[in-house]
Protein backbone atom coordinates (compact mmCIF):
# COMPACT_ATOMS: atom_id res chain seq x y z
CA MET A 1 110.13 126.54 102.17
CA TYR A 2 108.93 130.01 101.31
CA THR A 3 106.05 128.98 99.10
CA LEU A 4 104.29 125.71 98.49
CA PRO A 5 103.44 124.41 95.01
CA ASN A 6 99.87 123.81 93.87
CA VAL A 7 100.78 120.17 93.31
CA LEU A 8 103.30 118.55 95.67
CA ILE A 9 105.29 115.60 94.32
CA LEU A 10 107.34 113.57 96.79
CA HIS A 11 109.90 111.04 95.62
CA LEU A 12 110.99 108.36 98.08
CA LYS A 13 114.31 106.82 97.19
CA ARG A 14 113.84 103.05 97.30
CA PHE A 15 117.19 101.86 95.95
CA ASP A 16 120.27 101.25 98.12
CA PRO A 17 123.13 103.50 96.96
CA TYR A 18 125.65 101.20 98.69
CA SER A 19 124.57 98.09 96.81
CA SER A 20 126.75 97.28 93.80
CA TYR A 21 123.66 96.30 91.80
CA GLY A 22 121.28 99.02 92.98
CA GLY A 23 119.35 96.67 95.27
CA LYS A 24 115.89 97.68 96.34
CA ILE A 25 114.98 98.71 99.87
CA THR A 26 111.94 96.48 100.44
CA ARG A 27 110.60 98.00 103.65
CA THR A 28 106.85 98.80 103.48
CA ILE A 29 106.07 102.51 103.50
CA THR A 30 102.76 103.90 104.68
CA CYS A 31 101.46 107.30 103.64
CA PRO A 32 98.55 109.44 104.79
CA LEU A 33 95.62 110.49 102.64
CA GLU A 34 96.05 114.06 103.88
CA LEU A 35 99.33 115.89 104.42
CA ASP A 36 99.73 119.24 106.20
CA MET A 37 102.96 121.01 105.24
CA ALA A 38 102.37 124.04 107.51
CA GLY A 39 105.29 123.07 109.75
CA PHE A 40 107.67 123.24 106.79
CA VAL A 41 106.73 126.72 105.52
CA SER A 42 108.62 129.86 106.56
CA ASP A 43 106.83 132.55 108.55
CA ASP A 44 106.57 134.62 105.35
CA GLY A 45 104.60 131.85 103.66
CA ARG A 46 102.24 131.47 106.59
CA ASP A 47 101.68 135.25 106.66
CA ARG A 48 100.53 135.13 103.01
CA GLY A 49 98.00 132.44 103.91
CA ASP A 50 99.42 129.80 101.55
CA ASN A 51 97.36 126.62 101.61
CA SER A 52 99.46 123.90 103.21
CA GLN A 53 96.95 121.04 102.92
CA TYR A 54 97.48 118.31 100.31
CA SER A 55 95.34 115.30 99.42
CA LEU A 56 96.85 112.12 98.00
CA TYR A 57 95.52 111.35 94.54
CA ALA A 58 98.16 109.14 92.93
CA VAL A 59 101.03 106.78 93.81
CA LEU A 60 103.63 105.40 91.39
CA CYS A 61 105.14 102.01 92.34
CA HIS A 62 108.06 99.89 91.14
CA LYS A 63 107.93 96.10 91.17
CA GLY A 64 111.30 94.40 90.89
CA MET A 65 114.49 93.85 92.84
CA GLY A 66 116.79 96.51 91.45
CA ALA A 67 117.18 99.90 89.87
CA HIS A 68 118.11 98.44 86.49
CA SER A 69 115.06 96.29 85.91
CA GLY A 70 111.46 95.93 86.95
CA HIS A 71 108.00 97.18 86.15
CA TYR A 72 106.11 100.35 87.06
CA TYR A 73 102.39 100.60 87.86
CA SER A 74 100.28 103.23 89.59
CA TYR A 75 97.29 103.86 91.80
CA ALA A 76 95.06 106.87 91.22
CA ILE A 77 91.75 108.11 92.53
CA ALA A 78 88.81 108.98 90.28
CA ASN A 79 85.29 109.85 91.41
CA GLY A 80 86.15 108.91 95.00
CA ARG A 81 87.38 105.41 94.06
CA TRP A 82 90.97 104.09 93.88
CA TYR A 83 92.17 102.19 90.82
CA LYS A 84 95.32 100.27 89.97
CA HIS A 85 96.70 101.04 86.50
CA ASP A 86 99.04 98.34 85.22
CA ASP A 87 99.86 98.51 81.51
CA SER A 88 96.52 98.10 79.70
CA CYS A 89 94.68 96.81 82.81
CA THR A 90 92.75 99.01 85.22
CA SER A 91 91.08 97.51 88.28
CA PRO A 92 89.46 98.91 91.44
CA VAL A 93 91.40 98.54 94.70
CA ASP A 94 90.67 99.37 98.30
CA GLU A 95 92.23 102.38 100.02
CA THR A 96 94.36 100.29 102.42
CA THR A 97 96.19 98.74 99.44
CA VAL A 98 97.16 102.21 98.21
CA LEU A 99 98.31 103.46 101.61
CA MET A 100 100.74 100.55 102.21
CA VAL A 101 103.10 100.43 99.24
């Protein structure tokens, strides 16, 4: 990468392309709270002093067995506290729940 965006969005493909029904890959994925992208920036980007540090502030999750059905909910941080947002319900959650989706 030559430059890094102000906001980095990563999409992890969770559906099996070889499944005839778009089956879900159910393996647990862990993510860090902090991500350093310095190793993925070209020398030109590093010379400009681009900030390569990112902090996790939201996670979007899918509940269901396939790509053609299911339900989406999210986790987001506000005032140093993580919350689960599921339709009209918002509830506090602990950090370990967010990091193991």
